[in-house]
Amino acid sequence: MIPAEWIEQASARIGPYIQPTPLTYDARLGCHVKWENRQVTGSFKVRGALNKVLGLQAWERKAGLVAASAGNHGQGVALAGRITKSPVVVFASEHAVAIKLDAIRALGADVHLVQGGYPEAEAAGLAYAAEHGATWVSPYNDGQVIAGQGTIALEIFAELPEAINSTWLVPVSGGGLISGIGVSLKMKSPAAELVGVQAAASPFTHSLFYRGTQENVPDLPSLADGLTGAVESDSVTVPLMRKYVDDILLVEEEQIAKAVAYAWHVHGEKIEGSGAVTLAALLDGKIKPPALVVISGGNIQPEVHAEICTRYKESV
């Protein structure tokens, strides 16, 4: 399990390098919204990556950092590498979003594209790290990464103590974000409700949570690209999610797209599909207010965002 003090330590460690993100109220939906799309790399992922890398020994960083990513974790590790002057190699699917890959390269990391999806990229990254004696930085299967993600909850409590009475909606895939938030939230109130949201197109975590297996799960392309793919079978997040998460909901692609458009037309916020799933669940009436919605990121291809916002302008 993850000690709550790890999250406090993570907050102090990464504080100089990140920025507190806005927490606003949506009167129309009756929810507070935490906008992690405003984070320094456009995603919450930098919190966990920085906490992990900054806590490494000097020799571990000098050996080089290796990660697999759909895009956002790679940016976090690349930034951590730049800060600590560590070489970084990121493995990504050939189908990864171009704007995310460009951002990783701009931060100084080498990007290796792999045929297939995220599982193939992860396998290639793990093999590379083992072969070269480099340091693997998991996007979720690591206690210090999870602790870094949990710092979001500390920011929310500091600004809005009454958030404890809301249903918290958090995007879920590997489970690092919801596990970190769960540790902080349930320590304050074991009765608080924590709900994960995932795309129905690739519901691996939902299946693992409710069926105890990832067999025979569809893995289709999704606007929520960062939430697709299977969870490592021995991931530390699995028991954490079983302990802290109350429910996991699924949302369809059209609901996700409408949430992206809603964030733009109502709030002027550019969010990606992976970050929009929570808002999609609320817009679709799957959860009733009061709610607290975590928007996990905003790194969406510009032309995709423009098309979605045009298509759903009249329905918002």
C-alpha atoms as a PDB file:
ATOM      1  CA  MET A   1       0.000   0.000   0.000  1.00  0.00           C
ATOM      2  CA  ILE A   2       1.020   3.641  -0.425  1.00  0.00           C
ATOM      3  CA  PRO A   3       1.598   5.563   2.843  1.00  0.00           C
ATOM      4  CA  ALA A   4      -0.191   8.923   2.923  1.00  0.00           C
ATOM      5  CA  GLU A   5       3.074  10.602   3.925  1.00  0.00           C
ATOM      6  CA  TRP A   6       4.559   9.625   0.559  1.00  0.00           C
ATOM      7  CA  ILE A   7       2.064  11.968  -1.070  1.00  0.00           C
ATOM      8  CA  GLU A   8       3.013  14.818   1.278  1.00  0.00           C
ATOM      9  CA  GLN A   9       6.672  14.195   0.462  1.00  0.00           C
ATOM     10  CA  ALA A  10       5.882  14.128  -3.243  1.00  0.00           C
ATOM     11  CA  SER A  11       4.129  17.482  -2.987  1.00  0.00           C
ATOM     12  CA  ALA A  12       7.227  19.064  -1.478  1.00  0.00           C
ATOM     13  CA  ARG A  13       9.556  17.362  -3.979  1.00  0.00           C
ATOM     14  CA  ILE A  14       7.742  18.350  -7.186  1.00  0.00           C
ATOM     15  CA  GLY A  15       6.352  21.689  -6.004  1.00  0.00           C
ATOM     16  CA  PRO A  16       9.126  23.832  -7.549  1.00  0.00           C
ATOM     17  CA  TYR A  17       8.569  22.310 -10.999  1.00  0.00           C
ATOM     18  CA  ILE A  18       4.793  22.134 -11.441  1.00  0.00           C
ATOM     19  CA  GLN A  19       1.980  24.605 -11.059  1.00  0.00           C
ATOM     20  CA  PRO A  20      -1.243  24.305  -9.057  1.00  0.00           C
ATOM     21  CA  THR A  21      -4.043  23.906 -11.588  1.00  0.00           C
ATOM     22  CA  PRO A  22      -7.378  25.758 -11.572  1.00  0.00           C
ATOM     23  CA  LEU A  23     -10.391  24.426  -9.684  1.00  0.00           C
ATOM     24  CA  THR A  24     -13.617  26.010 -10.930  1.00  0.00           C
ATOM     25  CA  TYR A  25     -17.357  25.513 -10.437  1.00  0.00           C
ATOM     26  CA  ASP A  26     -19.773  24.575 -13.198  1.00  0.00           C
ATOM     27  CA  ALA A  27     -23.213  25.711 -12.040  1.00  0.00           C
ATOM     28  CA  ARG A  28     -24.907  24.067 -15.000  1.00  0.00           C
ATOM     29  CA  LEU A  29     -23.677  20.616 -14.026  1.00  0.00           C
ATOM     30  CA  GLY A  30     -23.356  21.182 -10.282  1.00  0.00           C
ATOM     31  CA  CYS A  31     -19.738  20.136 -10.158  1.00  0.00           C
ATOM     32  CA  HIS A  32     -16.274  21.430  -9.415  1.00  0.00           C
ATOM     33  CA  VAL A  33     -13.698  20.837 -12.147  1.00  0.00           C
ATOM     34  CA  LYS A  34      -9.960  20.342 -11.643  1.00  0.00           C
ATOM     35  CA  TRP A  35      -8.232  21.365 -14.884  1.00  0.00           C
ATOM     36  CA  GLU A  36      -5.009  19.348 -15.144  1.00  0.00           C
ATOM     37  CA  ASN A  37      -4.891  20.277 -18.830  1.00  0.00           C
ATOM     38  CA  ARG A  38      -3.318  23.473 -17.476  1.00  0.00           C
ATOM     39  CA  GLN A  39      -0.380  21.561 -15.982  1.00  0.00           C
ATOM     40  CA  VAL A  40       3.131  22.341 -17.265  1.00  0.00           C
ATOM     41  CA  THR A  41       3.138  19.516 -19.812  1.00  0.00           C
ATOM     42  CA  GLY A  42      -0.613  19.685 -20.394  1.00  0.00           C
ATOM     43  CA  SER A  43      -1.276  16.606 -18.258  1.00  0.00           C
ATOM     44  CA  PHE A  44      -1.234  15.285 -14.679  1.00  0.00           C
ATOM     45  CA  LYS A  45       1.350  12.673 -15.697  1.00  0.00           C
ATOM     46  CA  VAL A  46       4.237  15.017 -15.005  1.00  0.00           C
ATOM     47  CA  ARG A  47       3.484  14.826 -11.270  1.00  0.00           C
ATOM     48  CA  GLY A  48       4.234  11.122 -10.972  1.00  0.00           C
ATOM     49  CA  ALA A  49       7.123  11.125 -13.414  1.00  0.00           C
ATOM     50  CA  LEU A  50       8.861  13.986 -11.635  1.00  0.00           C
ATOM     51  CA  ASN A  51       8.358  12.491  -8.210  1.00  0.00           C
ATOM     52  CA  LYS A  52       9.836   9.187  -9.334  1.00  0.00           C
ATOM     53  CA  VAL A  53      12.839  10.636 -11.167  1.00  0.00           C
ATOM     54  CA  LEU A  54      13.692  13.289  -8.585  1.00  0.00           C
ATOM     55  CA  GLY A  55      13.749  10.562  -5.939  1.00  0.00           C
ATOM     56  CA  LEU A  56      16.162   8.309  -7.827  1.00  0.00           C
ATOM     57  CA  GLN A  57      19.809   7.898  -6.942  1.00  0.00           C
ATOM     58  CA  ALA A  58      22.249   9.808  -9.153  1.00  0.00           C
ATOM     59  CA  TRP A  59      23.565   6.564 -10.678  1.00  0.00           C
ATOM     60  CA  GLU A  60      20.039   5.467 -11.584  1.00  0.00           C
ATOM     61  CA  ARG A  61      19.463   8.694 -13.500  1.00  0.00           C
ATOM     62  CA  LYS A  62      22.897   8.553 -15.130  1.00  0.00           C
ATOM     63  CA  ALA A  63      22.077   5.066 -16.463  1.00  0.00           C
ATOM     64  CA  GLY A  64      19.318   6.682 -18.505  1.00  0.00           C
ATOM     65  CA  LEU A  65      15.553   6.784 -18.130  1.00  0.00           C
ATOM     66  CA  VAL A  66      13.261   4.595 -20.233  1.00  0.00           C
ATOM     67  CA  ALA A  67       9.492   4.792 -20.491  1.00  0.00           C
ATOM     68  CA  ALA A  68       6.610   3.622 -22.626  1.00  0.00           C
ATOM     69  CA  SER A  69       3.827   6.091 -23.226  1.00  0.00           C
ATOM     70  CA  ALA A  70       0.763   7.030 -25.212  1.00  0.00           C
ATOM     71  CA  GLY A  71       2.249  10.515 -25.000  1.00  0.00           C
ATOM     72  CA  ASN A  72       1.609  12.279 -21.712  1.00  0.00           C
ATOM     73  CA  HIS A  73       3.760  10.119 -19.439  1.00  0.00           C
ATOM     74  CA  GLY A  74       6.556  10.416 -21.973  1.00  0.00           C
ATOM     75  CA  GLN A  75       6.413  14.181 -21.718  1.00  0.00           C
ATOM     76  CA  GLY A  76       6.606  13.962 -17.940  1.00  0.00           C
ATOM     77  CA  VAL A  77       9.641  11.697 -18.029  1.00  0.00           C
ATOM     78  CA  ALA A  78      11.267  13.861 -20.702  1.00  0.00           C
ATOM     79  CA  LEU A  79      10.822  16.970 -18.561  1.00  0.00           C
ATOM     80  CA  ALA A  80      12.207  15.132 -15.536  1.00  0.00           C
ATOM     81  CA  GLY A  81      15.195  14.116 -17.653  1.00  0.00           C
ATOM     82  CA  ARG A  82      15.775  17.699 -18.719  1.00  0.00           C
ATOM     83  CA  ILE A  83      15.616  18.923 -15.112  1.00  0.00           C
ATOM     84  CA  THR A  84      18.004  16.238 -13.830  1.00  0.00           C
ATOM     85  CA  LYS A  85      20.185  16.203 -16.973  1.00  0.00           C
ATOM     86  CA  SER A  86      19.392  12.534 -17.563  1.00  0.00           C
ATOM     87  CA  PRO A  87      19.158  10.862 -20.996  1.00  0.00           C
ATOM     88  CA  VAL A  88      15.616   9.710 -21.816  1.00  0.00           C
ATOM     89  CA  VAL A  89      14.262   7.180 -24.300  1.00  0.00           C
ATOM     90  CA  VAL A  90      10.501   6.881 -24.777  1.00  0.00           C
ATOM     91  CA  PHE A  91       8.819   4.004 -26.593  1.00  0.00           C
ATOM     92  CA  ALA A  92       5.473   4.791 -28.195  1.00  0.00           C
ATOM     93  CA  SER A  93       3.003   3.217 -30.579  1.00  0.00           C
ATOM     94  CA  GLU A  94       3.252   4.176 -34.220  1.00  0.00           C
ATOM     95  CA  HIS A  95      -0.358   5.308 -33.804  1.00  0.00           C
ATOM     96  CA  ALA A  96       0.360   7.737 -30.960  1.00  0.00           C
ATOM     97  CA  VAL A  97      -0.923  11.310 -31.260  1.00  0.00           C
ATOM     98  CA  ALA A  98       1.599  13.374 -33.226  1.00  0.00           C
ATOM     99  CA  ILE A  99       1.380  16.481 -31.045  1.00  0.00           C
ATOM    100  CA  LYS A 100       2.324  14.398 -27.997  1.00  0.00           C
ATOM    101  CA  LEU A 101       5.291  12.801 -29.740  1.00  0.00           C
ATOM    102  CA  ASP A 102       6.511  16.195 -30.936  1.00  0.00           C
ATOM    103  CA  ALA A 103       6.333  17.527 -27.377  1.00  0.00           C
ATOM    104  CA  ILE A 104       8.395  14.607 -26.068  1.00  0.00           C
ATOM    105  CA  ARG A 105      11.081  15.252 -28.672  1.00  0.00           C
ATOM    106  CA  ALA A 106      11.031  18.999 -27.950  1.00  0.00           C
ATOM    107  CA  LEU A 107      11.909  18.219 -24.331  1.00  0.00           C
ATOM    108  CA  GLY A 108      15.032  16.399 -25.497  1.00  0.00           C
ATOM    109  CA  ALA A 109      14.019  12.737 -25.335  1.00  0.00           C
ATOM    110  CA  ASP A 110      14.580  10.134 -28.040  1.00  0.00           C
ATOM    111  CA  VAL A 111      11.341   8.581 -29.291  1.00  0.00           C
ATOM    112  CA  HIS A 112      11.277   5.007 -30.585  1.00  0.00           C
ATOM    113  CA  LEU A 113       8.096   4.161 -32.487  1.00  0.00           C
ATOM    114  CA  VAL A 114       6.863   0.591 -32.253  1.00  0.00           C
ATOM    115  CA  GLN A 115       4.451  -1.261 -34.519  1.00  0.00           C
ATOM    116  CA  GLY A 116       1.176  -2.040 -32.760  1.00  0.00           C
ATOM    117  CA  GLY A 117      -0.379  -0.385 -29.723  1.00  0.00           C
ATOM    118  CA  TYR A 118       0.708   0.553 -26.208  1.00  0.00           C
ATOM    119  CA  PRO A 119       1.307  -3.070 -25.052  1.00  0.00           C
ATOM    120  CA  GLU A 120       3.889  -3.545 -27.807  1.00  0.00           C
ATOM    121  CA  ALA A 121       5.547  -0.225 -26.927  1.00  0.00           C
ATOM    122  CA  GLU A 122       5.711  -1.208 -23.267  1.00  0.00           C
ATOM    123  CA  ALA A 123       7.225  -4.606 -24.055  1.00  0.00           C
ATOM    124  CA  ALA A 124       9.854  -2.974 -26.257  1.00  0.00           C
ATOM    125  CA  GLY A 125      10.659  -0.402 -23.586  1.00  0.00           C
ATOM    126  CA  LEU A 126      11.063  -2.988 -20.838  1.00  0.00           C
ATOM    127  CA  ALA A 127      13.331  -5.076 -23.062  1.00  0.00           C
ATOM    128  CA  TYR A 128      15.440  -2.038 -23.945  1.00  0.00           C
ATOM    129  CA  ALA A 129      15.812  -1.013 -20.290  1.00  0.00           C
ATOM    130  CA  ALA A 130      16.908  -4.529 -19.311  1.00  0.00           C
ATOM    131  CA  GLU A 131      19.369  -4.805 -22.186  1.00  0.00           C
ATOM    132  CA  HIS A 132      20.986  -1.421 -21.552  1.00  0.00           C
ATOM    133  CA  GLY A 133      20.848  -1.406 -17.746  1.00  0.00           C
ATOM    134  CA  ALA A 134      18.680   1.714 -17.849  1.00  0.00           C
ATOM    135  CA  THR A 135      16.087   2.824 -15.305  1.00  0.00           C
ATOM    136  CA  TRP A 136      12.495   1.980 -16.137  1.00  0.00           C
ATOM    137  CA  VAL A 137       9.906   4.632 -15.232  1.00  0.00           C
ATOM    138  CA  SER A 138       6.463   3.040 -15.230  1.00  0.00           C
ATOM    139  CA  PRO A 139       3.442   5.232 -15.973  1.00  0.00           C
ATOM    140  CA  TYR A 140       1.471   3.677 -13.085  1.00  0.00           C
ATOM    141  CA  ASN A 141       3.001   0.506 -11.606  1.00  0.00           C
ATOM    142  CA  ASP A 142       5.234   2.294  -9.124  1.00  0.00           C
ATOM    143  CA  GLY A 143       4.567   3.610  -5.630  1.00  0.00           C
ATOM    144  CA  GLN A 144       6.402   6.889  -6.127  1.00  0.00           C
ATOM    145  CA  VAL A 145       4.612   7.563  -9.418  1.00  0.00           C
ATOM    146  CA  ILE A 146       1.282   6.931  -7.684  1.00  0.00           C
ATOM    147  CA  ALA A 147       2.257   9.232  -4.813  1.00  0.00           C
ATOM    148  CA  GLY A 148       3.045  11.996  -7.285  1.00  0.00           C
ATOM    149  CA  GLN A 149      -0.378  11.682  -8.903  1.00  0.00           C
ATOM    150  CA  GLY A 150      -1.994  11.837  -5.473  1.00  0.00           C
ATOM    151  CA  THR A 151      -0.754  15.398  -5.009  1.00  0.00           C
ATOM    152  CA  ILE A 152      -3.784  16.507  -7.054  1.00  0.00           C
ATOM    153  CA  ALA A 153      -5.991  15.598  -4.098  1.00  0.00           C
ATOM    154  CA  LEU A 154      -3.863  17.675  -1.714  1.00  0.00           C
ATOM    155  CA  GLU A 155      -4.355  20.737  -3.934  1.00  0.00           C
ATOM    156  CA  ILE A 156      -8.095  20.180  -4.029  1.00  0.00           C
ATOM    157  CA  PHE A 157      -8.411  19.788  -0.248  1.00  0.00           C
ATOM    158  CA  ALA A 158      -6.342  22.933   0.347  1.00  0.00           C
ATOM    159  CA  GLU A 159      -8.649  24.991  -1.870  1.00  0.00           C
ATOM    160  CA  LEU A 160     -11.974  23.246  -1.273  1.00  0.00           C
ATOM    161  CA  PRO A 161     -12.207  21.242   1.983  1.00  0.00           C
ATOM    162  CA  GLU A 162     -15.911  20.568   1.394  1.00  0.00           C
ATOM    163  CA  ALA A 163     -15.010  18.543  -1.697  1.00  0.00           C
ATOM    164  CA  ILE A 164     -15.012  15.564   0.638  1.00  0.00           C
ATOM    165  CA  ASN A 165     -18.817  15.571   0.296  1.00  0.00           C
ATOM    166  CA  SER A 166     -18.780  15.247  -3.502  1.00  0.00           C
ATOM    167  CA  THR A 167     -18.530  12.175  -5.725  1.00  0.00           C
ATOM    168  CA  TRP A 168     -15.051  12.273  -7.249  1.00  0.00           C
ATOM    169  CA  LEU A 169     -14.804  11.296 -10.923  1.00  0.00           C
ATOM    170  CA  VAL A 170     -11.325  10.339 -12.126  1.00  0.00           C
ATOM    171  CA  PRO A 171     -10.129   8.972 -15.507  1.00  0.00           C
ATOM    172  CA  VAL A 172      -8.820   5.423 -15.153  1.00  0.00           C
ATOM    173  CA  SER A 173      -6.614   3.103 -17.177  1.00  0.00           C
ATOM    174  CA  GLY A 174      -3.526   1.737 -15.421  1.00  0.00           C
ATOM    175  CA  GLY A 175      -4.853   3.184 -12.189  1.00  0.00           C
ATOM    176  CA  GLY A 176      -1.992   5.388 -11.040  1.00  0.00           C
ATOM    177  CA  LEU A 177      -4.045   8.580 -10.868  1.00  0.00           C
ATOM    178  CA  ILE A 178      -7.122   7.135  -9.176  1.00  0.00           C
ATOM    179  CA  SER A 179      -4.983   5.124  -6.732  1.00  0.00           C
ATOM    180  CA  GLY A 180      -3.013   8.185  -5.635  1.00  0.00           C
ATOM    181  CA  ILE A 181      -6.163  10.250  -5.251  1.00  0.00           C
ATOM    182  CA  GLY A 182      -7.840   7.331  -3.460  1.00  0.00           C
ATOM    183  CA  VAL A 183      -5.154   7.158  -0.787  1.00  0.00           C
ATOM    184  CA  SER A 184      -5.599  10.854   0.051  1.00  0.00           C
ATOM    185  CA  LEU A 185      -9.387  10.905  -0.267  1.00  0.00           C
ATOM    186  CA  LYS A 186     -10.158   7.794   1.795  1.00  0.00           C
ATOM    187  CA  MET A 187      -7.691   8.783   4.522  1.00  0.00           C
ATOM    188  CA  LYS A 188      -9.808  11.909   5.043  1.00  0.00           C
ATOM    189  CA  SER A 189     -13.145  10.162   4.705  1.00  0.00           C
ATOM    190  CA  PRO A 190     -13.504   6.396   4.183  1.00  0.00           C
ATOM    191  CA  ALA A 191     -17.132   7.016   3.158  1.00  0.00           C
ATOM    192  CA  ALA A 192     -16.199   9.421   0.331  1.00  0.00           C
ATOM    193  CA  GLU A 193     -17.205   8.165  -3.100  1.00  0.00           C
ATOM    194  CA  LEU A 194     -14.493   7.636  -5.716  1.00  0.00           C
ATOM    195  CA  VAL A 195     -15.524   6.645  -9.243  1.00  0.00           C
ATOM    196  CA  GLY A 196     -13.272   5.838 -12.188  1.00  0.00           C
ATOM    197  CA  VAL A 197     -14.308   6.477 -15.784  1.00  0.00           C
ATOM    198  CA  GLN A 198     -12.958   4.689 -18.852  1.00  0.00           C
ATOM    199  CA  ALA A 199     -13.770   4.525 -22.559  1.00  0.00           C
ATOM    200  CA  ALA A 200     -16.078   1.638 -23.480  1.00  0.00           C
ATOM    201  CA  ALA A 201     -13.885   1.046 -26.540  1.00  0.00           C
ATOM    202  CA  SER A 202     -11.049  -0.343 -24.393  1.00  0.00           C
ATOM    203  CA  PRO A 203     -12.479  -1.314 -20.979  1.00  0.00           C
ATOM    204  CA  PHE A 204      -9.593  -3.347 -19.555  1.00  0.00           C
ATOM    205  CA  THR A 205      -9.634  -1.790 -16.081  1.00  0.00           C
ATOM    206  CA  HIS A 206     -13.422  -2.008 -15.902  1.00  0.00           C
ATOM    207  CA  SER A 207     -13.228  -5.726 -16.743  1.00  0.00           C
ATOM    208  CA  LEU A 208     -10.433  -6.324 -14.240  1.00  0.00           C
ATOM    209  CA  PHE A 209     -12.377  -4.488 -11.545  1.00  0.00           C
ATOM    210  CA  TYR A 210     -15.676  -6.314 -12.079  1.00  0.00           C
ATOM    211  CA  ARG A 211     -14.736  -9.625 -13.728  1.00  0.00           C
ATOM    212  CA  GLY A 212     -11.280 -10.153 -12.268  1.00  0.00           C
ATOM    213  CA  THR A 213      -9.863 -10.775 -15.734  1.00  0.00           C
ATOM    214  CA  GLN A 214      -8.712  -8.953 -18.858  1.00  0.00           C
ATOM    215  CA  GLU A 215      -9.476 -11.829 -21.187  1.00  0.00           C
ATOM    216  CA  ASN A 216     -11.797 -11.265 -24.153  1.00  0.00           C
ATOM    217  CA  VAL A 217     -11.823  -7.487 -23.688  1.00  0.00           C
ATOM    218  CA  PRO A 218     -12.277  -5.364 -26.831  1.00  0.00           C
ATOM    219  CA  ASP A 219      -9.406  -2.994 -27.599  1.00  0.00           C
ATOM    220  CA  LEU A 220     -10.696  -0.564 -30.185  1.00  0.00           C
ATOM    221  CA  PRO A 221      -9.351   2.849 -31.211  1.00  0.00           C
ATOM    222  CA  SER A 222     -10.628   5.600 -28.934  1.00  0.00           C
ATOM    223  CA  LEU A 223     -10.588   9.358 -28.670  1.00  0.00           C
ATOM    224  CA  ALA A 224      -9.416   8.618 -25.129  1.00  0.00           C
ATOM    225  CA  ASP A 225      -6.140   7.217 -26.486  1.00  0.00           C
ATOM    226  CA  GLY A 226      -4.311   7.539 -23.184  1.00  0.00           C
ATOM    227  CA  LEU A 227      -6.758   5.194 -21.430  1.00  0.00           C
ATOM    228  CA  THR A 228      -6.510   2.225 -23.799  1.00  0.00           C
ATOM    229  CA  GLY A 229      -4.649  -1.041 -23.374  1.00  0.00           C
ATOM    230  CA  ALA A 230      -4.296  -3.715 -20.713  1.00  0.00           C
ATOM    231  CA  VAL A 231      -3.050  -3.254 -17.152  1.00  0.00           C
ATOM    232  CA  GLU A 232       0.091  -5.079 -16.007  1.00  0.00           C
ATOM    233  CA  SER A 233      -1.197  -8.227 -14.276  1.00  0.00           C
ATOM    234  CA  ASP A 234       0.943  -7.681 -11.171  1.00  0.00           C
ATOM    235  CA  SER A 235       0.458  -3.908 -10.982  1.00  0.00           C
ATOM    236  CA  VAL A 236       0.407  -2.415  -7.510  1.00  0.00           C
ATOM    237  CA  THR A 237      -2.574  -0.346  -8.642  1.00  0.00           C
ATOM    238  CA  VAL A 238      -4.857  -3.405  -8.807  1.00  0.00           C
ATOM    239  CA  PRO A 239      -5.146  -3.954  -5.010  1.00  0.00           C
ATOM    240  CA  LEU A 240      -5.204  -0.183  -4.492  1.00  0.00           C
ATOM    241  CA  MET A 241      -8.179   0.202  -6.811  1.00  0.00           C
ATOM    242  CA  ARG A 242      -9.974  -2.684  -5.117  1.00  0.00           C
ATOM    243  CA  LYS A 243      -9.408  -0.980  -1.761  1.00  0.00           C
ATOM    244  CA  TYR A 244     -10.276   2.612  -2.644  1.00  0.00           C
ATOM    245  CA  VAL A 245     -12.437   2.748  -5.786  1.00  0.00           C
ATOM    246  CA  ASP A 246     -16.223   2.429  -5.420  1.00  0.00           C
ATOM    247  CA  ASP A 247     -17.232   2.093  -9.057  1.00  0.00           C
ATOM    248  CA  ILE A 248     -15.886   2.265 -12.607  1.00  0.00           C
ATOM    249  CA  LEU A 249     -18.111   3.645 -15.363  1.00  0.00           C
ATOM    250  CA  LEU A 250     -17.830   3.361 -19.131  1.00  0.00           C
ATOM    251  CA  VAL A 251     -18.570   6.111 -21.658  1.00  0.00           C
ATOM    252  CA  GLU A 252     -19.041   5.896 -25.409  1.00  0.00           C
ATOM    253  CA  GLU A 253     -17.041   7.749 -28.041  1.00  0.00           C
ATOM    254  CA  GLU A 254     -19.801  10.236 -28.869  1.00  0.00           C
ATOM    255  CA  GLN A 255     -20.170  11.119 -25.197  1.00  0.00           C
ATOM    256  CA  ILE A 256     -16.428  11.746 -24.964  1.00  0.00           C
ATOM    257  CA  ALA A 257     -16.466  13.981 -28.053  1.00  0.00           C
ATOM    258  CA  LYS A 258     -19.408  15.988 -26.709  1.00  0.00           C
ATOM    259  CA  ALA A 259     -17.518  16.522 -23.450  1.00  0.00           C
ATOM    260  CA  VAL A 260     -14.500  17.840 -25.375  1.00  0.00           C
ATOM    261  CA  ALA A 261     -16.800  20.297 -27.157  1.00  0.00           C
ATOM    262  CA  TYR A 262     -18.570  21.256 -23.913  1.00  0.00           C
ATOM    263  CA  ALA A 263     -15.286  22.114 -22.192  1.00  0.00           C
ATOM    264  CA  TRP A 264     -14.336  24.379 -25.080  1.00  0.00           C
ATOM    265  CA  HIS A 265     -17.646  26.143 -25.722  1.00  0.00           C
ATOM    266  CA  VAL A 266     -18.665  26.541 -22.072  1.00  0.00           C
ATOM    267  CA  HIS A 267     -15.327  26.935 -20.287  1.00  0.00           C
ATOM    268  CA  GLY A 268     -12.869  27.856 -23.049  1.00  0.00           C
ATOM    269  CA  GLU A 269     -10.716  24.856 -22.075  1.00  0.00           C
ATOM    270  CA  LYS A 270      -9.014  22.570 -24.597  1.00  0.00           C
ATOM    271  CA  ILE A 271      -9.087  19.029 -23.262  1.00  0.00           C
ATOM    272  CA  GLU A 272      -8.195  15.668 -24.759  1.00  0.00           C
ATOM    273  CA  GLY A 273     -10.451  12.632 -24.933  1.00  0.00           C
ATOM    274  CA  SER A 274      -8.675  10.856 -22.082  1.00  0.00           C
ATOM    275  CA  GLY A 275      -9.287  13.839 -19.849  1.00  0.00           C
ATOM    276  CA  ALA A 276     -12.875  14.309 -21.005  1.00  0.00           C
ATOM    277  CA  VAL A 277     -14.287  10.929 -19.917  1.00  0.00           C
ATOM    278  CA  THR A 278     -15.208  12.204 -16.449  1.00  0.00           C
ATOM    279  CA  LEU A 279     -17.072  15.184 -17.843  1.00  0.00           C
ATOM    280  CA  ALA A 280     -18.738  12.825 -20.330  1.00  0.00           C
ATOM    281  CA  ALA A 281     -20.089  10.674 -17.490  1.00  0.00           C
ATOM    282  CA  LEU A 282     -21.578  13.716 -15.791  1.00  0.00           C
ATOM    283  CA  LEU A 283     -23.056  15.152 -18.987  1.00  0.00           C
ATOM    284  CA  ASP A 284     -24.642  11.771 -19.689  1.00  0.00           C
ATOM    285  CA  GLY A 285     -26.307  11.688 -16.280  1.00  0.00           C
ATOM    286  CA  LYS A 286     -24.355   8.671 -15.026  1.00  0.00           C
ATOM    287  CA  ILE A 287     -23.507  10.569 -11.819  1.00  0.00           C
ATOM    288  CA  LYS A 288     -25.625  13.105  -9.976  1.00  0.00           C
ATOM    289  CA  PRO A 289     -24.225  16.263  -8.362  1.00  0.00           C
ATOM    290  CA  PRO A 290     -22.525  17.289  -6.212  1.00  0.00           C
ATOM    291  CA  ALA A 291     -19.486  15.999  -8.025  1.00  0.00           C
ATOM    292  CA  LEU A 292     -15.819  16.778  -8.418  1.00  0.00           C
ATOM    293  CA  VAL A 293     -14.455  16.120 -11.889  1.00  0.00           C
ATOM    294  CA  VAL A 294     -10.757  15.651 -12.628  1.00  0.00           C
ATOM    295  CA  ILE A 295      -9.830  16.612 -16.203  1.00  0.00           C
ATOM    296  CA  SER A 296      -6.532  14.813 -16.614  1.00  0.00           C
ATOM    297  CA  GLY A 297      -5.044  16.422 -19.730  1.00  0.00           C
ATOM    298  CA  GLY A 298      -5.362  18.626 -22.777  1.00  0.00           C
ATOM    299  CA  ASN A 299      -2.918  17.327 -25.384  1.00  0.00           C
ATOM    300  CA  ILE A 300      -5.240  16.818 -28.330  1.00  0.00           C
ATOM    301  CA  GLN A 301      -4.358  17.085 -32.007  1.00  0.00           C
ATOM    302  CA  PRO A 302      -5.478  20.609 -33.071  1.00  0.00           C
ATOM    303  CA  GLU A 303      -7.375  19.527 -36.176  1.00  0.00           C
ATOM    304  CA  VAL A 304      -9.196  16.798 -34.216  1.00  0.00           C
ATOM    305  CA  HIS A 305     -10.197  19.308 -31.558  1.00  0.00           C
ATOM    306  CA  ALA A 306     -11.414  21.817 -34.142  1.00  0.00           C
ATOM    307  CA  GLU A 307     -13.521  19.208 -35.936  1.00  0.00           C
ATOM    308  CA  ILE A 308     -15.153  17.996 -32.719  1.00  0.00           C
ATOM    309  CA  CYS A 309     -15.942  21.496 -31.498  1.00  0.00           C
ATOM    310  CA  THR A 310     -17.481  22.403 -34.850  1.00  0.00           C
ATOM    311  CA  ARG A 311     -19.506  19.205 -35.024  1.00  0.00           C
ATOM    312  CA  TYR A 312     -21.063  19.617 -31.579  1.00  0.00           C
ATOM    313  CA  LYS A 313     -21.268  23.401 -31.346  1.00  0.00           C
ATOM    314  CA  GLU A 314     -25.052  23.528 -31.593  1.00  0.00           C
ATOM    315  CA  SER A 315     -25.661  20.702 -29.124  1.00  0.00           C
ATOM    316  CA  VAL A 316     -23.691  22.174 -26.228  1.00  0.00           C
END
